Amino acid sequence: MTDVHRDEAVIIGAGLAGLSAAIHLQNQGISVQVIEAQDRVGGRVHSMRQHGSNKEAGGTYIGAGYQSVVGAAKDYAIELIDVTPTLEFFREQELVLNGEIIRQSEWPKHPANPFPENDKALMPWNYSRILTVRENPLKRPEEWLDSSQAHNDISFYAWMRQLGLSEDAINLAYGINVSFGSSAHDVSALLMLFRAAFSSSQRKHAKKGIIGFTALNGVQRIPEAMASALKKETHLGKVVKSIEDNGRSIEIRCADGAIYKTPHVICSIPLAALRDVVINPPLGELHSQGIKDIPSQPTTQVFLAHKSKFWESDGLKPSMFTDGVAGMIAAARNGDDPTEVTSFTAWTMGPHARYLDTLPEEAAGKLIIQEIEAIRPSARGQLEFLGLKSWGADPYAKGGWAYFRPGQVTRFCKALRMPHGGIHFCGEHLSIANRGMEGAMESGKQAAQEIINKG
């Protein structure tokens, strides 16, 4: 017999965006059913507890100014841990170019440094961030969607060329293990300026001296607590295949045969995964084209244990930022002593992450270890592969986050945010003033408010 459910509203996706929408609707007296394709809640907030020590594969740290996320943790009695002492160590890493280790102290006068004279002390991993803060025309993050800023919806490459940077400087400032796209040609400068304006605005909300938090036993505890606060238990394993709005009610059909009927739907499925869902009547041209064209960032994390403090024997910092397949190798400090390295995570983005996705997990882990050992011989035989998380290979995410190519902000952002009959949309990519976990919370509440405003 077909499993048919009827509810006042159905939320598709149990990440922070969907759960934020569900909580907001429930607080207004609306009966809500959340459905989720995966076997857990949290979406792209995923604590890899099987590897211990608060290893995070999704939302890693909670910014100190994340008012919605910090507020949710307080509401549900989730203990937050100040990670400021630990984050300080992220500034202590070695640069690796073409297999050569370059200490930060060597970088300002190194022959490979192509940055302008006044910026030669800046490291490649933070140069583009500093530029977008220093040269930012946005007074508030939400201004990124103003028509007056459309001229900045150009490639990040073109924007940096306008500042007078050379080709070599741009390639180094935004060409190594990039967070958005595959190069500076592939991402809109407007997105990068928004990101910088958001970061600056967050610092105004943070308590002095605190950079960020994690949650005791994993950040995923926050969405888990939000789901537990709902009157109806989240239905897991519900892979949505179609959403049909006949004008009177909306019917959602899932791969396991379950059917949900409701007058209101909020869809928080990531754009890349939403391409697999049939929506009738079809979305408008711009909305449909945006879902098809807007890319999602390949992102893979490889978790490693260590058998010795090999970095003490070579005198180098334990963390490294490389231009190779290992990406950024971050030494985690999740114990009681913030100076103690508890494990390593190799963060690989873009084309290198896409390549790792073509390999079996064990082969990918072996490759990362071989890369590290080739760079620093003291690590030979000292690293052990624990596991990995590829967001690009995750069928329900298909990437770590959506990003906008040049021209896509002005063309698609407004259309993607528009409801389609009784179907509303949310997700970090639809946030107006926030990024990351905070953006997801904002967009979920916004979509819920659209339903409430209908009366």
Protein backbone atom coordinates (compact mmCIF):
# COMPACT_ATOMS: atom_id res chain seq x y z
CA MET A 1 0.00 0.00 0.00
CA THR A 2 1.30 3.49 -0.88
CA ASP A 3 2.38 5.49 2.15
CA VAL A 4 0.49 8.85 1.92
CA HIS A 5 1.05 11.70 4.37
CA ARG A 6 -0.94 14.93 4.64
CA ASP A 7 0.46 17.95 6.42
CA GLU A 8 0.02 21.72 6.55
CA ALA A 9 3.57 22.16 5.29
CA VAL A 10 6.38 19.86 4.17
CA ILE A 11 10.04 20.80 4.36
CA ILE A 12 12.37 18.93 2.01
CA GLY A 13 15.82 18.66 3.58
CA ALA A 14 16.86 18.47 7.23
CA GLY A 15 19.90 20.74 7.07
CA LEU A 16 20.09 24.02 8.95
CA ALA A 17 18.04 25.84 6.29
CA GLY A 18 15.18 23.34 6.27
CA LEU A 19 15.14 22.92 10.04
CA SER A 20 15.23 26.67 10.58
CA ALA A 21 12.16 26.95 8.31
CA ALA A 22 10.40 24.13 10.16
CA ILE A 23 11.02 25.63 13.60
CA HIS A 24 9.80 29.04 12.45
CA LEU A 25 6.59 27.58 11.00
CA GLN A 26 5.95 25.44 14.06
CA ASN A 27 6.37 28.48 16.30
CA GLN A 28 3.54 30.08 14.32
CA GLY A 29 1.24 27.12 14.96
CA ILE A 30 1.68 25.46 11.58
CA SER A 31 1.99 21.66 11.52
CA VAL A 32 5.21 20.72 9.75
CA GLN A 33 6.68 17.49 8.41
CA VAL A 34 10.39 17.44 7.52
CA ILE A 35 11.66 14.80 5.09
CA GLU A 36 15.31 14.03 4.41
CA ALA A 37 17.05 11.89 1.78
CA GLN A 38 19.95 10.85 3.99
CA ASP A 39 19.89 8.63 7.08
CA ARG A 40 20.71 11.54 9.37
CA VAL A 41 19.78 15.17 9.93
CA GLY A 42 22.22 18.04 9.49
CA GLY A 43 22.67 18.26 5.72
CA ARG A 44 26.11 19.72 5.10
CA VAL A 45 26.73 19.98 8.83
CA HIS A 46 28.22 16.56 9.43
CA SER A 47 30.27 15.54 12.47
CA MET A 48 32.39 12.49 11.64
CA ARG A 49 32.06 10.98 15.09
CA GLN A 50 33.29 7.59 13.94
CA HIS A 51 36.76 9.16 13.73
CA GLY A 52 36.56 10.83 17.15
CA SER A 53 37.82 14.19 18.37
CA ASN A 54 35.06 16.35 16.90
CA LYS A 55 36.15 15.88 13.29
CA GLU A 56 33.85 17.96 11.12
CA ALA A 57 33.18 17.32 7.44
CA GLY A 58 30.71 20.15 6.97
CA GLY A 59 30.20 23.30 9.03
CA THR A 60 33.51 23.21 10.87
CA TYR A 61 33.52 26.23 13.14
CA ILE A 62 30.78 28.58 14.28
CA GLY A 63 31.77 32.20 13.87
CA ALA A 64 31.60 34.16 17.11
CA GLY A 65 29.19 36.58 15.42
CA TYR A 66 26.83 33.89 14.12
CA GLN A 67 23.83 35.12 16.06
CA SER A 68 21.30 32.60 14.73
CA VAL A 69 23.52 29.53 15.13
CA VAL A 70 24.83 30.57 18.55
CA GLY A 71 21.25 31.41 19.54
CA ALA A 72 20.05 27.96 18.49
CA ALA A 73 22.81 26.32 20.53
CA LYS A 74 21.70 28.34 23.55
CA ASP A 75 18.01 27.53 22.98
CA TYR A 76 18.70 23.79 22.93
CA ALA A 77 21.37 23.76 25.67
CA ILE A 78 24.20 22.75 23.34
CA GLU A 79 27.52 23.52 25.00
CA LEU A 80 29.78 25.64 22.81
CA ILE A 81 33.56 25.50 23.12
CA ASP A 82 35.67 28.57 22.40
CA VAL A 83 38.18 27.49 19.74
CA THR A 84 40.02 30.82 19.59
CA PRO A 85 43.21 29.36 21.16
CA THR A 86 43.16 26.59 18.55
CA LEU A 87 42.40 28.81 15.55
CA GLU A 88 45.47 30.88 16.31
CA PHE A 89 47.55 27.91 15.12
CA PHE A 90 45.95 28.06 11.66
CA ARG A 91 48.20 31.02 10.98
CA GLU A 92 51.19 28.78 11.60
CA GLN A 93 51.61 26.77 8.42
CA GLU A 94 54.26 26.36 5.78
CA LEU A 95 53.75 27.21 2.12
CA VAL A 96 54.51 24.51 -0.46
CA LEU A 97 54.97 25.45 -4.13
CA ASN A 98 56.06 22.84 -6.68
CA GLY A 99 57.17 20.57 -3.87
CA GLU A 100 59.36 23.23 -2.22
CA ILE A 101 58.65 24.18 1.39
CA ILE A 102 58.78 27.94 1.95
CA ARG A 103 58.67 29.19 5.52
CA GLN A 104 56.56 32.28 6.17
CA SER A 105 59.67 34.14 7.31
CA GLU A 106 61.27 33.43 3.92
CA TRP A 107 58.27 34.43 1.81
CA PRO A 108 58.63 38.27 1.69
CA LYS A 109 62.01 38.01 -0.07
CA HIS A 110 61.47 34.71 -1.87
CA PRO A 111 62.02 34.82 -5.67
CA ALA A 112 58.66 33.09 -6.23
CA ASN A 113 56.80 35.97 -4.55
CA PRO A 114 55.08 38.04 -7.28
CA PHE A 115 52.98 40.28 -5.01
CA PRO A 116 53.27 44.09 -5.08
CA GLU A 117 56.06 45.48 -2.89
CA ASN A 118 53.74 46.64 -0.10
CA ASP A 119 52.03 43.23 0.03
CA LYS A 120 55.00 40.87 -0.13
CA ALA A 121 54.60 39.90 3.53
CA LEU A 122 51.08 38.56 2.84
CA MET A 123 50.76 34.81 2.34
CA PRO A 124 48.96 33.39 -0.72
CA TRP A 125 46.25 31.69 1.36
CA ASN A 126 44.95 34.97 2.76
CA TYR A 127 45.95 37.56 0.15
CA SER A 128 42.68 37.49 -1.79
CA ARG A 129 40.69 37.77 1.44
CA ILE A 130 42.70 40.80 2.52
CA LEU A 131 42.22 42.40 -0.89
CA THR A 132 38.44 41.99 -0.79
CA VAL A 133 38.29 43.53 2.68
CA ARG A 134 40.67 46.36 1.87
CA GLU A 135 39.12 47.26 -1.49
CA ASN A 136 35.48 46.40 -0.74
CA PRO A 137 32.82 48.81 -2.09
CA LEU A 138 30.08 47.15 0.00
CA LYS A 139 29.26 49.03 3.18
CA ARG A 140 26.87 46.24 4.24
CA PRO A 141 26.88 42.63 3.00
CA GLU A 142 23.31 42.77 1.67
CA GLU A 143 24.35 45.49 -0.80
CA TRP A 144 25.85 42.77 -3.01
CA LEU A 145 22.41 42.33 -4.58
CA ASP A 146 21.89 46.05 -5.30
CA SER A 147 21.75 46.96 -8.98
CA SER A 148 24.46 49.55 -8.27
CA GLN A 149 26.90 46.69 -7.70
CA ALA A 150 26.13 44.79 -10.93
CA HIS A 151 29.33 46.11 -12.50
CA ASN A 152 31.27 43.97 -10.00
CA ASP A 153 29.61 40.77 -11.24
CA ILE A 154 32.74 40.14 -13.29
CA SER A 155 35.40 37.50 -12.87
CA PHE A 156 37.53 37.76 -9.78
CA TYR A 157 40.47 37.73 -12.19
CA ALA A 158 39.22 40.85 -13.98
CA TRP A 159 38.57 42.57 -10.65
CA MET A 160 42.11 41.88 -9.43
CA ARG A 161 43.55 43.02 -12.76
CA GLN A 162 41.75 46.32 -12.20
CA LEU A 163 43.77 46.64 -9.00
CA GLY A 164 46.96 46.29 -11.02
CA LEU A 165 47.92 42.74 -10.03
CA SER A 166 50.02 40.74 -12.45
CA GLU A 167 49.00 37.41 -13.95
CA ASP A 168 51.45 35.58 -11.67
CA ALA A 169 50.20 37.40 -8.59
CA ILE A 170 46.57 36.54 -9.38
CA ASN A 171 47.37 32.89 -10.03
CA LEU A 172 49.09 32.66 -6.66
CA ALA A 173 46.57 34.77 -4.76
CA TYR A 174 43.63 32.78 -6.13
CA GLY A 175 44.79 29.63 -7.83
CA ILE A 176 45.84 27.30 -5.03
CA ASN A 177 43.20 25.03 -3.46
CA VAL A 178 40.50 27.63 -4.12
CA SER A 179 37.22 27.71 -2.20
CA PHE A 180 35.06 28.81 -5.14
CA GLY A 181 35.51 27.53 -8.68
CA SER A 182 38.75 26.32 -10.24
CA SER A 183 40.49 29.68 -10.70
CA ALA A 184 39.94 33.42 -10.47
CA HIS A 185 38.34 33.27 -13.93
CA ASP A 186 35.61 30.95 -12.65
CA VAL A 187 34.05 32.96 -9.81
CA SER A 188 32.22 36.28 -9.61
CA ALA A 189 34.05 39.10 -7.83
CA LEU A 190 30.69 40.14 -6.42
CA LEU A 191 30.44 36.86 -4.51
CA MET A 192 33.94 37.34 -3.10
CA LEU A 193 33.14 40.91 -2.04
CA PHE A 194 29.94 39.72 -0.36
CA ARG A 195 31.89 37.05 1.48
CA ALA A 196 34.37 39.65 2.75
CA ALA A 197 31.63 42.10 3.76
CA PHE A 198 29.88 39.32 5.68
CA SER A 199 33.07 38.41 7.54
CA SER A 200 33.63 42.04 8.48
CA SER A 201 30.05 42.46 9.68
CA GLN A 202 30.29 39.32 11.81
CA ARG A 203 33.19 40.71 13.79
CA LYS A 204 30.91 43.49 15.02
CA HIS A 205 28.62 40.91 16.66
CA ALA A 206 31.40 38.85 18.25
CA LYS A 207 32.52 39.20 21.83
CA LYS A 208 35.94 40.76 22.11
CA GLY A 209 38.74 38.24 21.87
CA ILE A 210 36.57 35.36 20.60
CA ILE A 211 36.94 34.17 17.00
CA GLY A 212 34.66 31.16 16.97
CA PHE A 213 33.21 28.05 18.58
CA THR A 214 32.64 24.39 18.07
CA ALA A 215 29.99 22.30 19.82
CA LEU A 216 30.74 19.66 22.41
CA ASN A 217 30.46 16.27 20.65
CA GLY A 218 30.15 17.90 17.23
CA VAL A 219 28.44 20.82 15.49
CA GLN A 220 25.86 18.35 14.13
CA ARG A 221 24.34 18.35 17.62
CA ILE A 222 22.71 21.70 16.78
CA PRO A 223 20.57 20.46 13.83
CA GLU A 224 19.92 17.25 15.76
CA ALA A 225 18.51 19.29 18.63
CA MET A 226 16.44 21.40 16.26
CA ALA A 227 14.96 18.25 14.70
CA SER A 228 14.19 16.86 18.17
CA ALA A 229 12.29 20.05 19.00
CA LEU A 230 9.81 19.43 16.19
CA LYS A 231 6.50 17.83 17.12
CA LYS A 232 6.74 15.43 14.18
CA GLU A 233 9.76 13.17 13.81
CA THR A 234 11.82 13.80 10.69
CA HIS A 235 11.28 11.14 8.03
CA LEU A 236 14.71 9.92 6.89
CA GLY A 237 15.61 8.09 3.69
CA LYS A 238 13.05 10.01 1.64
CA VAL A 239 14.65 10.72 -1.73
CA VAL A 240 12.35 13.13 -3.54
CA LYS A 241 11.81 12.32 -7.22
CA SER A 242 9.05 14.75 -8.15
CA ILE A 243 7.08 17.75 -6.85
CA GLU A 244 3.76 18.49 -8.56
CA ASP A 245 1.57 21.52 -7.81
CA ASN A 246 -1.95 21.23 -9.24
CA GLY A 247 -3.03 24.60 -7.85
CA ARG A 248 -5.01 23.09 -4.97
CA SER A 249 -2.34 20.98 -3.30
CA ILE A 250 1.23 19.86 -3.86
CA GLU A 251 2.18 16.22 -4.18
CA ILE A 252 5.72 15.07 -3.37
CA ARG A 253 6.70 11.59 -4.55
CA CYS A 254 9.70 9.77 -3.09
CA ALA A 255 11.84 6.94 -4.45
CA ASP A 256 10.51 4.52 -1.79
CA GLY A 257 6.90 5.13 -2.88
CA ALA A 258 5.99 7.54 -0.09
CA ILE A 259 3.72 10.44 -1.07
CA TYR A 260 3.31 13.73 0.78
CA LYS A 261 0.36 16.02 0.10
CA THR A 262 0.37 19.59 1.36
CA PRO A 263 -0.55 23.15 0.37
CA HIS A 264 2.94 24.44 1.21
CA VAL A 265 6.43 23.11 0.40
CA ILE A 266 9.82 24.51 1.33
CA CYS A 267 12.61 22.95 -0.70
CA SER A 268 16.14 23.17 0.69
CA ILE A 269 17.71 20.64 -1.68
CA PRO A 270 21.15 21.87 -2.89
CA LEU A 271 21.00 23.17 -6.45
CA ALA A 272 23.18 20.43 -7.94
CA ALA A 273 20.97 17.73 -6.42
CA LEU A 274 17.76 19.59 -7.29
CA ARG A 275 18.52 18.89 -10.96
CA ASP A 276 17.42 15.30 -10.32
CA VAL A 277 13.92 16.35 -9.16
CA VAL A 278 11.05 16.77 -11.64
CA ILE A 279 8.96 19.86 -10.84
CA ASN A 280 5.54 20.41 -12.44
CA PRO A 281 4.44 22.80 -13.67
CA PRO A 282 7.98 23.55 -14.85
CA LEU A 283 9.89 26.38 -13.24
CA GLY A 284 10.34 29.66 -15.07
CA GLU A 285 13.16 29.92 -17.59
CA LEU A 286 15.59 31.83 -15.38
CA HIS A 287 14.87 29.70 -12.31
CA SER A 288 15.33 26.51 -14.28
CA GLN A 289 18.47 27.77 -16.02
CA GLY A 290 19.99 28.85 -12.71
CA ILE A 291 19.51 25.39 -11.21
CA LYS A 292 21.11 23.88 -14.30
CA ASP A 293 24.05 26.29 -14.63
CA ILE A 294 25.12 27.33 -11.14
CA PRO A 295 28.00 25.07 -10.10
CA SER A 296 28.84 23.48 -6.76
CA GLN A 297 32.34 23.30 -5.32
CA PRO A 298 34.13 19.93 -5.29
CA THR A 299 35.30 19.54 -1.70
CA THR A 300 36.97 16.53 -0.10
CA GLN A 301 38.38 16.11 3.41
CA VAL A 302 40.82 13.31 4.19
CA PHE A 303 41.23 12.47 7.88
CA LEU A 304 44.61 11.26 9.09
CA ALA A 305 46.05 10.01 12.37
CA HIS A 306 49.73 10.38 13.25
CA LYS A 307 52.06 7.96 15.01
CA SER A 308 54.67 10.50 16.12
CA LYS A 309 55.37 14.22 16.31
CA PHE A 310 57.28 14.11 13.05
CA TRP A 311 57.18 17.91 12.69
CA GLU A 312 59.46 18.24 15.71
CA SER A 313 62.21 16.32 13.90
CA ASP A 314 62.22 18.56 10.82
CA GLY A 315 61.56 21.81 12.68
CA LEU A 316 58.67 22.78 10.39
CA LYS A 317 55.14 23.74 11.36
CA PRO A 318 52.77 20.74 11.37
CA SER A 319 50.30 22.43 8.98
CA MET A 320 51.01 23.13 5.30
CA PHE A 321 49.26 24.94 2.46
CA THR A 322 50.17 23.27 -0.82
CA ASP A 323 49.52 23.67 -4.53
CA GLY A 324 49.24 19.90 -4.90
CA VAL A 325 46.51 17.31 -4.50
CA ALA A 326 46.83 17.36 -0.68
CA GLY A 327 45.56 20.94 -0.61
CA MET A 328 45.63 22.43 2.86
CA ILE A 329 46.92 20.01 5.48
CA ALA A 330 45.57 21.26 8.79
CA ALA A 331 46.77 20.02 12.14
CA ALA A 332 43.71 19.66 14.37
CA ARG A 333 43.87 20.44 18.07
CA ASN A 334 40.72 19.01 19.59
CA GLY A 335 42.05 17.98 22.99
CA ASP A 336 42.14 19.81 26.30
CA ASP A 337 45.57 21.24 25.48
CA PRO A 338 45.27 23.63 22.49
CA THR A 339 48.97 23.22 21.73
CA GLU A 340 48.67 19.47 21.22
CA VAL A 341 48.08 18.16 17.68
CA THR A 342 45.39 15.46 17.84
CA SER A 343 45.06 14.59 14.14
CA PHE A 344 45.36 15.97 10.60
CA THR A 345 42.82 16.83 7.91
CA ALA A 346 43.76 17.40 4.28
CA TRP A 347 41.26 19.84 2.74
CA THR A 348 41.23 19.50 -1.04
CA MET A 349 39.14 21.81 -3.23
CA GLY A 350 38.33 22.28 -6.91
CA PRO A 351 40.03 20.21 -9.62
CA HIS A 352 42.17 18.21 -7.18
CA ALA A 353 39.05 17.23 -5.20
CA ARG A 354 37.35 16.22 -8.43
CA TYR A 355 40.32 13.98 -9.22
CA LEU A 356 40.22 12.37 -5.76
CA ASP A 357 36.55 11.55 -6.41
CA THR A 358 37.60 9.27 -9.28
CA LEU A 359 39.59 7.06 -6.87
CA PRO A 360 38.47 4.47 -4.33
CA GLU A 361 38.60 5.94 -0.81
CA GLU A 362 41.64 3.90 0.27
CA ALA A 363 43.52 4.90 -2.89
CA ALA A 364 42.67 8.58 -2.33
CA GLY A 365 43.91 8.38 1.26
CA LYS A 366 47.10 6.64 0.16
CA LEU A 367 47.72 9.32 -2.48
CA ILE A 368 47.38 12.13 0.08
CA ILE A 369 49.82 10.42 2.44
CA GLN A 370 52.30 9.87 -0.40
CA GLU A 371 52.02 13.55 -1.32
CA ILE A 372 52.75 14.63 2.25
CA GLU A 373 55.66 12.20 2.57
CA ALA A 374 57.18 13.48 -0.68
CA ILE A 375 57.06 17.03 0.65
CA ARG A 376 58.47 16.27 4.11
CA PRO A 377 60.43 13.03 4.54
CA SER A 378 60.02 13.15 8.33
CA ALA A 379 56.36 12.14 7.82
CA ARG A 380 57.23 8.84 6.10
CA GLY A 381 55.45 5.97 7.78
CA GLN A 382 53.98 8.30 10.40
CA LEU A 383 50.50 8.92 8.98
CA GLU A 384 47.48 6.62 8.95
CA PHE A 385 44.39 7.04 6.77
CA LEU A 386 41.19 7.17 8.85
CA GLY A 387 38.61 7.99 6.19
CA LEU A 388 37.33 10.78 3.98
CA LYS A 389 34.25 12.77 3.15
CA SER A 390 33.68 13.89 -0.42
CA TRP A 391 30.85 16.34 -0.84
CA GLY A 392 31.20 16.19 -4.61
CA ALA A 393 30.54 12.45 -4.56
CA ASP A 394 27.63 12.78 -2.13
CA PRO A 395 24.50 12.21 -4.26
CA TYR A 396 22.39 14.45 -2.03
CA ALA A 397 24.83 17.38 -2.05
CA LYS A 398 27.00 17.04 -5.18
CA GLY A 399 29.39 19.64 -3.84
CA GLY A 400 30.34 21.51 -0.70
CA TRP A 401 28.45 24.69 -1.59
CA ALA A 402 27.08 26.53 -4.60
CA TYR A 403 29.07 29.42 -6.04
CA PHE A 404 28.36 32.01 -8.71
CA ARG A 405 30.33 32.41 -11.89
CA PRO A 406 30.78 35.87 -13.47
CA GLY A 407 27.39 37.33 -14.38
CA GLN A 408 25.37 34.74 -12.47
CA VAL A 409 24.67 36.85 -9.38
CA THR A 410 22.79 39.53 -11.32
CA ARG A 411 21.17 37.06 -13.69
CA PHE A 412 19.93 34.35 -11.34
CA CYS A 413 19.84 35.39 -7.67
CA LYS A 414 16.45 37.10 -7.76
CA ALA A 415 14.83 34.34 -9.85
CA LEU A 416 16.12 31.54 -7.62
CA ARG A 417 14.61 33.16 -4.56
CA MET A 418 11.10 33.47 -6.04
CA PRO A 419 8.40 30.98 -4.94
CA HIS A 420 6.88 28.76 -7.61
CA GLY A 421 3.20 28.50 -6.80
CA GLY A 422 3.13 26.85 -3.39
CA ILE A 423 6.78 25.77 -3.59
CA HIS A 424 9.29 27.93 -1.73
CA PHE A 425 13.07 27.62 -1.76
CA CYS A 426 15.83 28.08 0.79
CA GLY A 427 19.52 27.31 1.26
CA GLU A 428 22.76 29.14 1.96
CA HIS A 429 23.02 30.22 -1.69
CA LEU A 430 19.74 32.15 -1.29
CA SER A 431 20.78 34.17 1.76
CA ILE A 432 20.84 37.91 1.41
CA ALA A 433 23.06 39.12 4.24
CA ASN A 434 24.85 36.03 5.57
CA ARG A 435 27.08 33.16 4.49
CA GLY A 436 27.65 29.58 5.64
CA MET A 437 25.62 28.16 8.49
CA GLU A 438 24.30 31.60 9.36
CA GLY A 439 23.15 32.10 5.78
CA ALA A 440 21.34 28.77 5.81
CA MET A 441 19.44 29.77 8.96
CA GLU A 442 18.54 33.14 7.46
CA SER A 443 17.20 31.68 4.23
CA GLY A 444 15.10 29.04 6.01
CA LYS A 445 13.41 31.60 8.19
CA GLN A 446 12.84 33.80 5.13
CA ALA A 447 11.11 30.99 3.20
CA ALA A 448 8.94 30.16 6.21
CA GLN A 449 7.93 33.79 6.55
CA GLU A 450 6.74 33.79 2.93
CA ILE A 451 4.26 31.06 3.82
CA ILE A 452 3.17 32.83 7.01
CA ASN A 453 2.58 36.04 5.08
CA LYS A 454 0.14 34.22 2.81
CA GLY A 455 -2.11 33.88 5.83
